[in-house]
Amino acid sequence: MPGLSTKGWIKMVASGVVLCVGGPALVMWVQPTEEELFKRYNPELQKRSLENRAKNQEEFDAFVNRLKDNAKSDKNIWGAIAEAQEKERAVTREASEETRRLLAAEMEKQKQEIRKSNA
């Protein structure tokens, strides 16, 4: 089995360059930009997208900040995220319990007022 000649090596290198450079270049040339996609939306979707843009950006920024905070932890990222979620649930539970207490107190107050007005 004879080895590759210089001509064969040149063909292989040229083919590799065409594939490695030409493939991504073709994808970049064919793929539409965000602006082009946005222009293809119907007007209602464009309006809705513009209205929700700030909210989506804020949510993404908050997500990235939480991810950065969790990455600073000594624990692995999944453990830190689970711990942060548990803390958030505990705060939510405390807030809902406080809301229930306030509602119960308000209902009791209303009952007392109704009893006074009926008496």
PDB file of N, CA and C in Angstrom:
ATOM      1  N   MET A   1       0.845  -1.168   0.000  1.00  0.00           N
ATOM      2  CA  MET A   1       0.000   0.000   0.000  1.00  0.00           C
ATOM      3  C   MET A   1       0.890   1.231   0.000  1.00  0.00           C
ATOM      4  N   PRO A   2       0.888   1.965  -1.061  1.00  0.00           N
ATOM      5  CA  PRO A   2       1.765   3.120  -1.163  1.00  0.00           C
ATOM      6  C   PRO A   2       1.275   4.277  -0.288  1.00  0.00           C
ATOM      7  N   GLY A   3       2.197   5.128   0.146  1.00  0.00           N
ATOM      8  CA  GLY A   3       1.852   6.294   0.968  1.00  0.00           C
ATOM      9  C   GLY A   3       1.240   7.389   0.105  1.00  0.00           C
ATOM     10  N   LEU A   4       0.723   8.405   0.755  1.00  0.00           N
ATOM     11  CA  LEU A   4       0.109   9.514   0.035  1.00  0.00           C
ATOM     12  C   LEU A   4       1.185  10.392  -0.586  1.00  0.00           C
ATOM     13  N   SER A   5       0.910  10.827  -1.782  1.00  0.00           N
ATOM     14  CA  SER A   5       1.843  11.725  -2.460  1.00  0.00           C
ATOM     15  C   SER A   5       1.607  13.157  -1.983  1.00  0.00           C
ATOM     16  N   THR A   6       2.449  14.029  -2.408  1.00  0.00           N
ATOM     17  CA  THR A   6       2.307  15.446  -2.053  1.00  0.00           C
ATOM     18  C   THR A   6       0.987  15.984  -2.583  1.00  0.00           C
ATOM     19  N   LYS A   7       0.610  15.569  -3.746  1.00  0.00           N
ATOM     20  CA  LYS A   7      -0.657  16.007  -4.340  1.00  0.00           C
ATOM     21  C   LYS A   7      -1.839  15.559  -3.462  1.00  0.00           C
ATOM     22  N   GLY A   8      -1.775  14.363  -2.931  1.00  0.00           N
ATOM     23  CA  GLY A   8      -2.828  13.847  -2.053  1.00  0.00           C
ATOM     24  C   GLY A   8      -2.914  14.641  -0.756  1.00  0.00           C
ATOM     25  N   TRP A   9      -1.740  14.969  -0.183  1.00  0.00           N
ATOM     26  CA  TRP A   9      -1.724  15.763   1.046  1.00  0.00           C
ATOM     27  C   TRP A   9      -2.313  17.152   0.804  1.00  0.00           C
ATOM     28  N   ILE A  10      -1.975  17.753  -0.303  1.00  0.00           N
ATOM     29  CA  ILE A  10      -2.502  19.088  -0.622  1.00  0.00           C
ATOM     30  C   ILE A  10      -4.018  19.030  -0.769  1.00  0.00           C
ATOM     31  N   LYS A  11      -4.533  18.004  -1.425  1.00  0.00           N
ATOM     32  CA  LYS A  11      -5.989  17.849  -1.564  1.00  0.00           C
ATOM     33  C   LYS A  11      -6.658  17.696  -0.207  1.00  0.00           C
ATOM     34  N   MET A  12      -6.055  16.875   0.677  1.00  0.00           N
ATOM     35  CA  MET A  12      -6.648  16.657   2.008  1.00  0.00           C
ATOM     36  C   MET A  12      -6.648  17.944   2.831  1.00  0.00           C
ATOM     37  N   VAL A  13      -5.551  18.667   2.815  1.00  0.00           N
ATOM     38  CA  VAL A  13      -5.474  19.921   3.575  1.00  0.00           C
ATOM     39  C   VAL A  13      -6.455  20.935   3.013  1.00  0.00           C
ATOM     40  N   ALA A  14      -6.520  21.052   1.693  1.00  0.00           N
ATOM     41  CA  ALA A  14      -7.447  21.997   1.066  1.00  0.00           C
ATOM     42  C   ALA A  14      -8.893  21.623   1.399  1.00  0.00           C
ATOM     43  N   SER A  15      -9.220  20.337   1.363  1.00  0.00           N
ATOM     44  CA  SER A  15     -10.575  19.892   1.709  1.00  0.00           C
ATOM     45  C   SER A  15     -10.888  20.204   3.161  1.00  0.00           C
ATOM     46  N   GLY A  16      -9.933  19.971   4.042  1.00  0.00           N
ATOM     47  CA  GLY A  16     -10.144  20.270   5.459  1.00  0.00           C
ATOM     48  C   GLY A  16     -10.373  21.745   5.696  1.00  0.00           C
ATOM     49  N   VAL A  17      -9.598  22.605   5.048  1.00  0.00           N
ATOM     50  CA  VAL A  17      -9.768  24.052   5.201  1.00  0.00           C
ATOM     51  C   VAL A  17     -11.130  24.477   4.671  1.00  0.00           C
ATOM     52  N   VAL A  18     -11.519  23.947   3.514  1.00  0.00           N
ATOM     53  CA  VAL A  18     -12.826  24.296   2.947  1.00  0.00           C
ATOM     54  C   VAL A  18     -13.935  23.904   3.915  1.00  0.00           C
ATOM     55  N   LEU A  19     -13.857  22.707   4.503  1.00  0.00           N
ATOM     56  CA  LEU A  19     -14.898  22.254   5.424  1.00  0.00           C
ATOM     57  C   LEU A  19     -14.884  23.048   6.732  1.00  0.00           C
ATOM     58  N   CYS A  20     -13.693  23.261   7.290  1.00  0.00           N
ATOM     59  CA  CYS A  20     -13.603  23.923   8.601  1.00  0.00           C
ATOM     60  C   CYS A  20     -13.910  25.416   8.526  1.00  0.00           C
ATOM     61  N   VAL A  21     -13.598  26.050   7.428  1.00  0.00           N
ATOM     62  CA  VAL A  21     -13.851  27.486   7.281  1.00  0.00           C
ATOM     63  C   VAL A  21     -15.155  27.720   6.529  1.00  0.00           C
ATOM     64  N   GLY A  22     -15.376  26.965   5.485  1.00  0.00           N
ATOM     65  CA  GLY A  22     -16.554  27.178   4.650  1.00  0.00           C
ATOM     66  C   GLY A  22     -17.859  26.806   5.322  1.00  0.00           C
ATOM     67  N   GLY A  23     -17.851  25.751   6.138  1.00  0.00           N
ATOM     68  CA  GLY A  23     -19.089  25.332   6.811  1.00  0.00           C
ATOM     69  C   GLY A  23     -19.637  26.404   7.735  1.00  0.00           C
ATOM     70  N   PRO A  24     -18.851  26.872   8.712  1.00  0.00           N
ATOM     71  CA  PRO A  24     -19.342  27.951   9.577  1.00  0.00           C
ATOM     72  C   PRO A  24     -19.659  29.233   8.810  1.00  0.00           C
ATOM     73  N   ALA A  25     -18.875  29.544   7.790  1.00  0.00           N
ATOM     74  CA  ALA A  25     -19.153  30.739   6.988  1.00  0.00           C
ATOM     75  C   ALA A  25     -20.505  30.614   6.295  1.00  0.00           C
ATOM     76  N   LEU A  26     -20.809  29.429   5.774  1.00  0.00           N
ATOM     77  CA  LEU A  26     -22.103  29.209   5.128  1.00  0.00           C
ATOM     78  C   LEU A  26     -23.242  29.364   6.130  1.00  0.00           C
ATOM     79  N   VAL A  27     -23.070  28.816   7.310  1.00  0.00           N
ATOM     80  CA  VAL A  27     -24.111  28.932   8.336  1.00  0.00           C
ATOM     81  C   VAL A  27     -24.329  30.396   8.703  1.00  0.00           C
ATOM     82  N   MET A  28     -23.249  31.146   8.882  1.00  0.00           N
ATOM     83  CA  MET A  28     -23.387  32.567   9.231  1.00  0.00           C
ATOM     84  C   MET A  28     -24.058  33.346   8.105  1.00  0.00           C
ATOM     85  N   TRP A  29     -23.800  32.979   6.879  1.00  0.00           N
ATOM     86  CA  TRP A  29     -24.385  33.670   5.741  1.00  0.00           C
ATOM     87  C   TRP A  29     -25.877  33.359   5.602  1.00  0.00           C
ATOM     88  N   VAL A  30     -26.272  32.122   5.893  1.00  0.00           N
ATOM     89  CA  VAL A  30     -27.660  31.685   5.711  1.00  0.00           C
ATOM     90  C   VAL A  30     -28.543  32.048   6.906  1.00  0.00           C
ATOM     91  N   GLN A  31     -27.979  32.009   8.108  1.00  0.00           N
ATOM     92  CA  GLN A  31     -28.769  32.226   9.324  1.00  0.00           C
ATOM     93  C   GLN A  31     -29.220  33.681   9.429  1.00  0.00           C
ATOM     94  N   PRO A  32     -30.526  33.920   9.653  1.00  0.00           N
ATOM     95  CA  PRO A  32     -31.011  35.304   9.763  1.00  0.00           C
ATOM     96  C   PRO A  32     -30.603  35.927  11.102  1.00  0.00           C
ATOM     97  N   THR A  33     -30.472  37.245  11.122  1.00  0.00           N
ATOM     98  CA  THR A  33     -30.141  37.951  12.359  1.00  0.00           C
ATOM     99  C   THR A  33     -31.408  38.133  13.190  1.00  0.00           C
ATOM    100  N   GLU A  34     -31.234  38.594  14.426  1.00  0.00           N
ATOM    101  CA  GLU A  34     -32.401  38.817  15.291  1.00  0.00           C
ATOM    102  C   GLU A  34     -33.311  39.884  14.708  1.00  0.00           C
ATOM    103  N   GLU A  35     -32.729  40.925  14.117  1.00  0.00           N
ATOM    104  CA  GLU A  35     -33.535  41.990  13.541  1.00  0.00           C
ATOM    105  C   GLU A  35     -34.379  41.474  12.373  1.00  0.00           C
ATOM    106  N   GLU A  36     -33.779  40.622  11.536  1.00  0.00           N
ATOM    107  CA  GLU A  36     -34.517  40.063  10.404  1.00  0.00           C
ATOM    108  C   GLU A  36     -35.668  39.188  10.888  1.00  0.00           C
ATOM    109  N   LEU A  37     -35.428  38.399  11.922  1.00  0.00           N
ATOM    110  CA  LEU A  37     -36.505  37.571  12.475  1.00  0.00           C
ATOM    111  C   LEU A  37     -37.603  38.446  13.068  1.00  0.00           C
ATOM    112  N   PHE A  38     -37.206  39.497  13.781  1.00  0.00           N
ATOM    113  CA  PHE A  38     -38.184  40.396  14.398  1.00  0.00           C
ATOM    114  C   PHE A  38     -39.053  41.071  13.345  1.00  0.00           C
ATOM    115  N   LYS A  39     -38.457  41.440  12.216  1.00  0.00           N
ATOM    116  CA  LYS A  39     -39.221  42.079  11.144  1.00  0.00           C
ATOM    117  C   LYS A  39     -40.231  41.117  10.523  1.00  0.00           C
ATOM    118  N   ARG A  40     -39.977  39.822  10.615  1.00  0.00           N
ATOM    119  CA  ARG A  40     -40.901  38.827  10.050  1.00  0.00           C
ATOM    120  C   ARG A  40     -42.109  38.576  10.955  1.00  0.00           C
ATOM    121  N   TYR A  41     -42.029  38.998  12.223  1.00  0.00           N
ATOM    122  CA  TYR A  41     -43.176  38.846  13.134  1.00  0.00           C
ATOM    123  C   TYR A  41     -44.342  39.661  12.602  1.00  0.00           C
ATOM    124  N   ASN A  42     -45.545  39.216  12.974  1.00  0.00           N
ATOM    125  CA  ASN A  42     -46.671  40.075  12.656  1.00  0.00           C
ATOM    126  C   ASN A  42     -46.677  41.233  13.670  1.00  0.00           C
ATOM    127  N   PRO A  43     -47.368  42.335  13.390  1.00  0.00           N
ATOM    128  CA  PRO A  43     -47.302  43.526  14.250  1.00  0.00           C
ATOM    129  C   PRO A  43     -47.709  43.264  15.703  1.00  0.00           C
ATOM    130  N   GLU A  44     -48.688  42.384  15.899  1.00  0.00           N
ATOM    131  CA  GLU A  44     -49.127  42.092  17.268  1.00  0.00           C
ATOM    132  C   GLU A  44     -48.003  41.429  18.071  1.00  0.00           C
ATOM    133  N   LEU A  45     -47.308  40.459  17.458  1.00  0.00           N
ATOM    134  CA  LEU A  45     -46.190  39.806  18.138  1.00  0.00           C
ATOM    135  C   LEU A  45     -45.043  40.770  18.382  1.00  0.00           C
ATOM    136  N   GLN A  46     -44.793  41.671  17.439  1.00  0.00           N
ATOM    137  CA  GLN A  46     -43.744  42.669  17.636  1.00  0.00           C
ATOM    138  C   GLN A  46     -44.055  43.546  18.836  1.00  0.00           C
ATOM    139  N   LYS A  47     -45.305  43.980  18.939  1.00  0.00           N
ATOM    140  CA  LYS A  47     -45.715  44.840  20.048  1.00  0.00           C
ATOM    141  C   LYS A  47     -45.567  44.100  21.369  1.00  0.00           C
ATOM    142  N   ARG A  48     -46.041  42.852  21.420  1.00  0.00           N
ATOM    143  CA  ARG A  48     -45.954  42.060  22.644  1.00  0.00           C
ATOM    144  C   ARG A  48     -44.493  41.803  23.032  1.00  0.00           C
ATOM    145  N   SER A  49     -43.673  41.538  22.034  1.00  0.00           N
ATOM    146  CA  SER A  49     -42.254  41.289  22.285  1.00  0.00           C
ATOM    147  C   SER A  49     -41.579  42.530  22.860  1.00  0.00           C
ATOM    148  N   LEU A  50     -41.888  43.685  22.321  1.00  0.00           N
ATOM    149  CA  LEU A  50     -41.306  44.929  22.833  1.00  0.00           C
ATOM    150  C   LEU A  50     -41.773  45.219  24.258  1.00  0.00           C
ATOM    151  N   GLU A  51     -43.050  44.920  24.544  1.00  0.00           N
ATOM    152  CA  GLU A  51     -43.579  45.158  25.892  1.00  0.00           C
ATOM    153  C   GLU A  51     -42.914  44.245  26.921  1.00  0.00           C
ATOM    154  N   ASN A  52     -42.662  43.005  26.546  1.00  0.00           N
ATOM    155  CA  ASN A  52     -42.094  42.037  27.493  1.00  0.00           C
ATOM    156  C   ASN A  52     -40.572  42.039  27.536  1.00  0.00           C
ATOM    157  N   ARG A  53     -39.932  42.808  26.680  1.00  0.00           N
ATOM    158  CA  ARG A  53     -38.474  42.789  26.590  1.00  0.00           C
ATOM    159  C   ARG A  53     -37.810  43.175  27.912  1.00  0.00           C
ATOM    160  N   ALA A  54     -38.260  44.252  28.538  1.00  0.00           N
ATOM    161  CA  ALA A  54     -37.647  44.714  29.790  1.00  0.00           C
ATOM    162  C   ALA A  54     -37.841  43.683  30.899  1.00  0.00           C
ATOM    163  N   LYS A  55     -39.051  43.129  30.981  1.00  0.00           N
ATOM    164  CA  LYS A  55     -39.329  42.122  32.011  1.00  0.00           C
ATOM    165  C   LYS A  55     -38.448  40.891  31.820  1.00  0.00           C
ATOM    166  N   ASN A  56     -38.326  40.420  30.583  1.00  0.00           N
ATOM    167  CA  ASN A  56     -37.499  39.246  30.303  1.00  0.00           C
ATOM    168  C   ASN A  56     -36.033  39.517  30.613  1.00  0.00           C
ATOM    169  N   GLN A  57     -35.573  40.727  30.317  1.00  0.00           N
ATOM    170  CA  GLN A  57     -34.187  41.073  30.589  1.00  0.00           C
ATOM    171  C   GLN A  57     -33.930  41.104  32.095  1.00  0.00           C
ATOM    172  N   GLU A  58     -34.873  41.649  32.863  1.00  0.00           N
ATOM    173  CA  GLU A  58     -34.732  41.680  34.320  1.00  0.00           C
ATOM    174  C   GLU A  58     -34.709  40.264  34.897  1.00  0.00           C
ATOM    175  N   GLU A  59     -35.588  39.397  34.402  1.00  0.00           N
ATOM    176  CA  GLU A  59     -35.611  38.016  34.878  1.00  0.00           C
ATOM    177  C   GLU A  59     -34.294  37.310  34.562  1.00  0.00           C
ATOM    178  N   PHE A  60     -33.773  37.544  33.369  1.00  0.00           N
ATOM    179  CA  PHE A  60     -32.508  36.911  32.988  1.00  0.00           C
ATOM    180  C   PHE A  60     -31.362  37.433  33.856  1.00  0.00           C
ATOM    181  N   ASP A  61     -31.334  38.745  34.093  1.00  0.00           N
ATOM    182  CA  ASP A  61     -30.284  39.320  34.936  1.00  0.00           C
ATOM    183  C   ASP A  61     -30.353  38.765  36.353  1.00  0.00           C
ATOM    184  N   ALA A  62     -31.571  38.630  36.886  1.00  0.00           N
ATOM    185  CA  ALA A  62     -31.727  38.059  38.226  1.00  0.00           C
ATOM    186  C   ALA A  62     -31.250  36.611  38.253  1.00  0.00           C
ATOM    187  N   PHE A  63     -31.579  35.850  37.222  1.00  0.00           N
ATOM    188  CA  PHE A  63     -31.135  34.459  37.128  1.00  0.00           C
ATOM    189  C   PHE A  63     -29.614  34.371  37.103  1.00  0.00           C
ATOM    190  N   VAL A  64     -28.974  35.212  36.290  1.00  0.00           N
ATOM    191  CA  VAL A  64     -27.513  35.189  36.185  1.00  0.00           C
ATOM    192  C   VAL A  64     -26.885  35.583  37.522  1.00  0.00           C
ATOM    193  N   ASN A  65     -27.453  36.579  38.189  1.00  0.00           N
ATOM    194  CA  ASN A  65     -26.912  36.992  39.487  1.00  0.00           C
ATOM    195  C   ASN A  65     -27.044  35.885  40.522  1.00  0.00           C
ATOM    196  N   ARG A  66     -28.189  35.195  40.534  1.00  0.00           N
ATOM    197  CA  ARG A  66     -28.349  34.062  41.462  1.00  0.00           C
ATOM    198  C   ARG A  66     -27.341  32.966  41.140  1.00  0.00           C
ATOM    199  N   LEU A  67     -27.141  32.714  39.852  1.00  0.00           N
ATOM    200  CA  LEU A  67     -26.187  31.695  39.431  1.00  0.00           C
ATOM    201  C   LEU A  67     -24.770  32.066  39.863  1.00  0.00           C
ATOM    202  N   LYS A  68     -24.416  33.324  39.725  1.00  0.00           N
ATOM    203  CA  LYS A  68     -23.090  33.777  40.163  1.00  0.00           C
ATOM    204  C   LYS A  68     -22.935  33.621  41.669  1.00  0.00           C
ATOM    205  N   ASP A  69     -23.980  33.989  42.426  1.00  0.00           N
ATOM    206  CA  ASP A  69     -23.919  33.848  43.884  1.00  0.00           C
ATOM    207  C   ASP A  69     -23.773  32.389  44.286  1.00  0.00           C
ATOM    208  N   ASN A  70     -24.512  31.511  43.624  1.00  0.00           N
ATOM    209  CA  ASN A  70     -24.422  30.084  43.931  1.00  0.00           C
ATOM    210  C   ASN A  70     -23.071  29.507  43.540  1.00  0.00           C
ATOM    211  N   ALA A  71     -22.465  30.045  42.502  1.00  0.00           N
ATOM    212  CA  ALA A  71     -21.162  29.545  42.063  1.00  0.00           C
ATOM    213  C   ALA A  71     -20.054  29.921  43.048  1.00  0.00           C
ATOM    214  N   LYS A  72     -20.246  30.997  43.810  1.00  0.00           N
ATOM    215  CA  LYS A  72     -19.247  31.423  44.785  1.00  0.00           C
ATOM    216  C   LYS A  72     -19.213  30.519  46.013  1.00  0.00           C
ATOM    217  N   SER A  73     -20.239  29.714  46.207  1.00  0.00           N
ATOM    218  CA  SER A  73     -20.339  28.841  47.371  1.00  0.00           C
ATOM    219  C   SER A  73     -19.264  27.746  47.330  1.00  0.00           C
ATOM    220  N   ASP A  74     -18.918  27.240  48.516  1.00  0.00           N
ATOM    221  CA  ASP A  74     -17.955  26.145  48.604  1.00  0.00           C
ATOM    222  C   ASP A  74     -18.558  24.833  48.127  1.00  0.00           C
ATOM    223  N   LYS A  75     -19.875  24.737  48.180  1.00  0.00           N
ATOM    224  CA  LYS A  75     -20.564  23.515  47.765  1.00  0.00           C
ATOM    225  C   LYS A  75     -20.635  23.450  46.241  1.00  0.00           C
ATOM    226  N   ASN A  76     -21.024  22.269  45.739  1.00  0.00           N
ATOM    227  CA  ASN A  76     -21.214  22.187  44.290  1.00  0.00           C
ATOM    228  C   ASN A  76     -22.437  23.009  43.907  1.00  0.00           C
ATOM    229  N   ILE A  77     -22.532  23.346  42.637  1.00  0.00           N
ATOM    230  CA  ILE A  77     -23.557  24.282  42.179  1.00  0.00           C
ATOM    231  C   ILE A  77     -24.964  23.771  42.460  1.00  0.00           C
ATOM    232  N   TRP A  78     -25.176  22.445  42.312  1.00  0.00           N
ATOM    233  CA  TRP A  78     -26.526  21.900  42.509  1.00  0.00           C
ATOM    234  C   TRP A  78     -26.919  21.966  43.975  1.00  0.00           C
ATOM    235  N   GLY A  79     -25.988  21.681  44.864  1.00  0.00           N
ATOM    236  CA  GLY A  79     -26.277  21.779  46.290  1.00  0.00           C
ATOM    237  C   GLY A  79     -26.554  23.209  46.710  1.00  0.00           C
ATOM    238  N   ALA A  80     -25.791  24.145  46.168  1.00  0.00           N
ATOM    239  CA  ALA A  80     -26.002  25.556  46.499  1.00  0.00           C
ATOM    240  C   ALA A  80     -27.358  26.040  45.991  1.00  0.00           C
ATOM    241  N   ILE A  81     -27.742  25.604  44.799  1.00  0.00           N
ATOM    242  CA  ILE A  81     -29.044  25.997  44.253  1.00  0.00           C
ATOM    243  C   ILE A  81     -30.168  25.416  45.091  1.00  0.00           C
ATOM    244  N   ALA A  82     -30.045  24.147  45.472  1.00  0.00           N
ATOM    245  CA  ALA A  82     -31.078  23.514  46.299  1.00  0.00           C
ATOM    246  C   ALA A  82     -31.194  24.228  47.641  1.00  0.00           C
ATOM    247  N   GLU A  83     -30.065  24.600  48.226  1.00  0.00           N
ATOM    248  CA  GLU A  83     -30.081  25.308  49.505  1.00  0.00           C
ATOM    249  C   GLU A  83     -30.746  26.685  49.358  1.00  0.00           C
ATOM    250  N   ALA A  84     -30.433  27.397  48.281  1.00  0.00           N
ATOM    251  CA  ALA A  84     -31.036  28.709  48.043  1.00  0.00           C
ATOM    252  C   ALA A  84     -32.546  28.583  47.826  1.00  0.00           C
ATOM    253  N   GLN A  85     -32.968  27.543  47.107  1.00  0.00           N
ATOM    254  CA  GLN A  85     -34.396  27.337  46.894  1.00  0.00           C
ATOM    255  C   GLN A  85     -35.109  27.021  48.204  1.00  0.00           C
ATOM    256  N   GLU A  86     -34.467  26.229  49.061  1.00  0.00           N
ATOM    257  CA  GLU A  86     -35.068  25.899  50.355  1.00  0.00           C
ATOM    258  C   GLU A  86     -35.206  27.152  51.217  1.00  0.00           C
ATOM    259  N   LYS A  87     -34.196  28.017  51.197  1.00  0.00           N
ATOM    260  CA  LYS A  87     -34.289  29.278  51.942  1.00  0.00           C
ATOM    261  C   LYS A  87     -35.429  30.132  51.409  1.00  0.00           C
ATOM    262  N   GLU A  88     -35.560  30.175  50.082  1.00  0.00           N
ATOM    263  CA  GLU A  88     -36.630  30.960  49.470  1.00  0.00           C
ATOM    264  C   GLU A  88     -37.998  30.405  49.859  1.00  0.00           C
ATOM    265  N   ARG A  89     -38.129  29.083  49.886  1.00  0.00           N
ATOM    266  CA  ARG A  89     -39.395  28.468  50.304  1.00  0.00           C
ATOM    267  C   ARG A  89     -39.708  28.795  51.758  1.00  0.00           C
ATOM    268  N   ALA A  90     -38.673  28.779  52.611  1.00  0.00           N
ATOM    269  CA  ALA A  90     -38.882  29.087  54.030  1.00  0.00           C
ATOM    270  C   ALA A  90     -39.359  30.519  54.188  1.00  0.00           C
ATOM    271  N   VAL A  91     -38.772  31.445  53.443  1.00  0.00           N
ATOM    272  CA  VAL A  91     -39.194  32.845  53.519  1.00  0.00           C
ATOM    273  C   VAL A  91     -40.625  32.982  53.020  1.00  0.00           C
ATOM    274  N   THR A  92     -40.950  32.266  51.954  1.00  0.00           N
ATOM    275  CA  THR A  92     -42.301  32.312  51.405  1.00  0.00           C
ATOM    276  C   THR A  92     -43.307  31.746  52.408  1.00  0.00           C
ATOM    277  N   ARG A  93     -42.935  30.621  53.059  1.00  0.00           N
ATOM    278  CA  ARG A  93     -43.821  30.039  54.077  1.00  0.00           C
ATOM    279  C   ARG A  93     -44.053  31.014  55.222  1.00  0.00           C
ATOM    280  N   GLU A  94     -42.987  31.657  55.683  1.00  0.00           N
ATOM    281  CA  GLU A  94     -43.127  32.616  56.784  1.00  0.00           C
ATOM    282  C   GLU A  94     -44.023  33.777  56.376  1.00  0.00           C
ATOM    283  N   ALA A  95     -43.850  34.257  55.155  1.00  0.00           N
ATOM    284  CA  ALA A  95     -44.673  35.368  54.674  1.00  0.00           C
ATOM    285  C   ALA A  95     -46.133  34.944  54.568  1.00  0.00           C
ATOM    286  N   SER A  96     -46.380  33.723  54.076  1.00  0.00           N
ATOM    287  CA  SER A  96     -47.774  33.277  53.952  1.00  0.00           C
ATOM    288  C   SER A  96     -48.396  33.049  55.338  1.00  0.00           C
ATOM    289  N   GLU A  97     -47.601  32.544  56.279  1.00  0.00           N
ATOM    290  CA  GLU A  97     -48.124  32.373  57.642  1.00  0.00           C
ATOM    291  C   GLU A  97     -48.451  33.721  58.263  1.00  0.00           C
ATOM    292  N   GLU A  98     -47.595  34.704  58.041  1.00  0.00           N
ATOM    293  CA  GLU A  98     -47.847  36.046  58.568  1.00  0.00           C
ATOM    294  C   GLU A  98     -49.101  36.633  57.929  1.00  0.00           C
ATOM    295  N   THR A  99     -49.271  36.406  56.640  1.00  0.00           N
ATOM    296  CA  THR A  99     -50.474  36.887  55.949  1.00  0.00           C
ATOM    297  C   THR A  99     -51.712  36.211  56.519  1.00  0.00           C
ATOM    298  N   ARG A 100     -51.619  34.905  56.779  1.00  0.00           N
ATOM    299  CA  ARG A 100     -52.762  34.194  57.374  1.00  0.00           C
ATOM    300  C   ARG A 100     -53.096  34.753  58.753  1.00  0.00           C
ATOM    301  N   ARG A 101     -52.061  35.022  59.550  1.00  0.00           N
ATOM    302  CA  ARG A 101     -52.307  35.596  60.881  1.00  0.00           C
ATOM    303  C   ARG A 101     -52.994  36.951  60.779  1.00  0.00           C
ATOM    304  N   LEU A 102     -52.509  37.774  59.868  1.00  0.00           N
ATOM    305  CA  LEU A 102     -53.115  39.092  59.699  1.00  0.00           C
ATOM    306  C   LEU A 102     -54.559  38.980  59.216  1.00  0.00           C
ATOM    307  N   LEU A 103     -54.822  38.065  58.283  1.00  0.00           N
ATOM    308  CA  LEU A 103     -56.193  37.868  57.808  1.00  0.00           C
ATOM    309  C   LEU A 103     -57.103  37.346  58.918  1.00  0.00           C
ATOM    310  N   ALA A 104     -56.575  36.423  59.713  1.00  0.00           N
ATOM    311  CA  ALA A 104     -57.374  35.895  60.826  1.00  0.00           C
ATOM    312  C   ALA A 104     -57.679  37.002  61.829  1.00  0.00           C
ATOM    313  N   ALA A 105     -56.699  37.835  62.116  1.00  0.00           N
ATOM    314  CA  ALA A 105     -56.928  38.943  63.048  1.00  0.00           C
ATOM    315  C   ALA A 105     -57.952  39.918  62.479  1.00  0.00           C
ATOM    316  N   GLU A 106     -57.853  40.197  61.193  1.00  0.00           N
ATOM    317  CA  GLU A 106     -58.808  41.099  60.544  1.00  0.00           C
ATOM    318  C   GLU A 106     -60.210  40.505  60.557  1.00  0.00           C
ATOM    319  N   MET A 107     -60.330  39.210  60.309  1.00  0.00           N
ATOM    320  CA  MET A 107     -61.644  38.566  60.351  1.00  0.00           C
ATOM    321  C   MET A 107     -62.226  38.606  61.759  1.00  0.00           C
ATOM    322  N   GLU A 108     -61.381  38.356  62.751  1.00  0.00           N
ATOM    323  CA  GLU A 108     -61.852  38.410  64.138  1.00  0.00           C
ATOM    324  C   GLU A 108     -62.314  39.815  64.487  1.00  0.00           C
ATOM    325  N   LYS A 109     -61.584  40.803  64.026  1.00  0.00           N
ATOM    326  CA  LYS A 109     -61.957  42.193  64.266  1.00  0.00           C
ATOM    327  C   LYS A 109     -63.313  42.500  63.616  1.00  0.00           C
ATOM    328  N   GLN A 110     -63.498  42.012  62.375  1.00  0.00           N
ATOM    329  CA  GLN A 110     -64.774  42.237  61.694  1.00  0.00           C
ATOM    330  C   GLN A 110     -65.916  41.530  62.416  1.00  0.00           C
ATOM    331  N   LYS A 111     -65.645  40.327  62.926  1.00  0.00           N
ATOM    332  CA  LYS A 111     -66.680  39.604  63.683  1.00  0.00           C
ATOM    333  C   LYS A 111     -67.074  40.385  64.931  1.00  0.00           C
ATOM    334  N   GLN A 112     -66.089  40.923  65.623  1.00  0.00           N
ATOM    335  CA  GLN A 112     -66.377  41.715  66.827  1.00  0.00           C
ATOM    336  C   GLN A 112     -67.216  42.938  66.478  1.00  0.00           C
ATOM    337  N   GLU A 113     -66.894  43.605  65.363  1.00  0.00           N
ATOM    338  CA  GLU A 113     -67.660  44.784  64.943  1.00  0.00           C
ATOM    339  C   GLU A 113     -69.105  44.398  64.595  1.00  0.00           C
ATOM    340  N   ILE A 114     -69.247  43.244  63.931  1.00  0.00           N
ATOM    341  CA  ILE A 114     -70.604  42.799  63.569  1.00  0.00           C
ATOM    342  C   ILE A 114     -71.387  42.486  64.829  1.00  0.00           C
ATOM    343  N   ARG A 115     -70.749  41.814  65.811  1.00  0.00           N
ATOM    344  CA  ARG A 115     -71.430  41.499  67.067  1.00  0.00           C
ATOM    345  C   ARG A 115     -71.834  42.769  67.795  1.00  0.00           C
ATOM    346  N   LYS A 116     -70.975  43.763  67.812  1.00  0.00           N
ATOM    347  CA  LYS A 116     -71.288  45.037  68.485  1.00  0.00           C
ATOM    348  C   LYS A 116     -72.443  45.745  67.790  1.00  0.00           C
ATOM    349  N   SER A 117     -72.452  45.703  66.457  1.00  0.00           N
ATOM    350  CA  SER A 117     -73.519  46.385  65.729  1.00  0.00           C
ATOM    351  C   SER A 117     -74.846  45.651  65.869  1.00  0.00           C
ATOM    352  N   ASN A 118     -74.833  44.336  66.046  1.00  0.00           N
ATOM    353  CA  ASN A 118     -76.066  43.547  66.214  1.00  0.00           C
ATOM    354  C   ASN A 118     -76.591  43.619  67.644  1.00  0.00           C
ATOM    355  N   ALA A 119     -75.724  43.916  68.578  1.00  0.00           N
ATOM    356  CA  ALA A 119     -76.140  43.919  69.982  1.00  0.00           C
ATOM    357  C   ALA A 119     -76.840  45.186  70.379  1.00  0.00           C
TER     358      ALA A 119
END
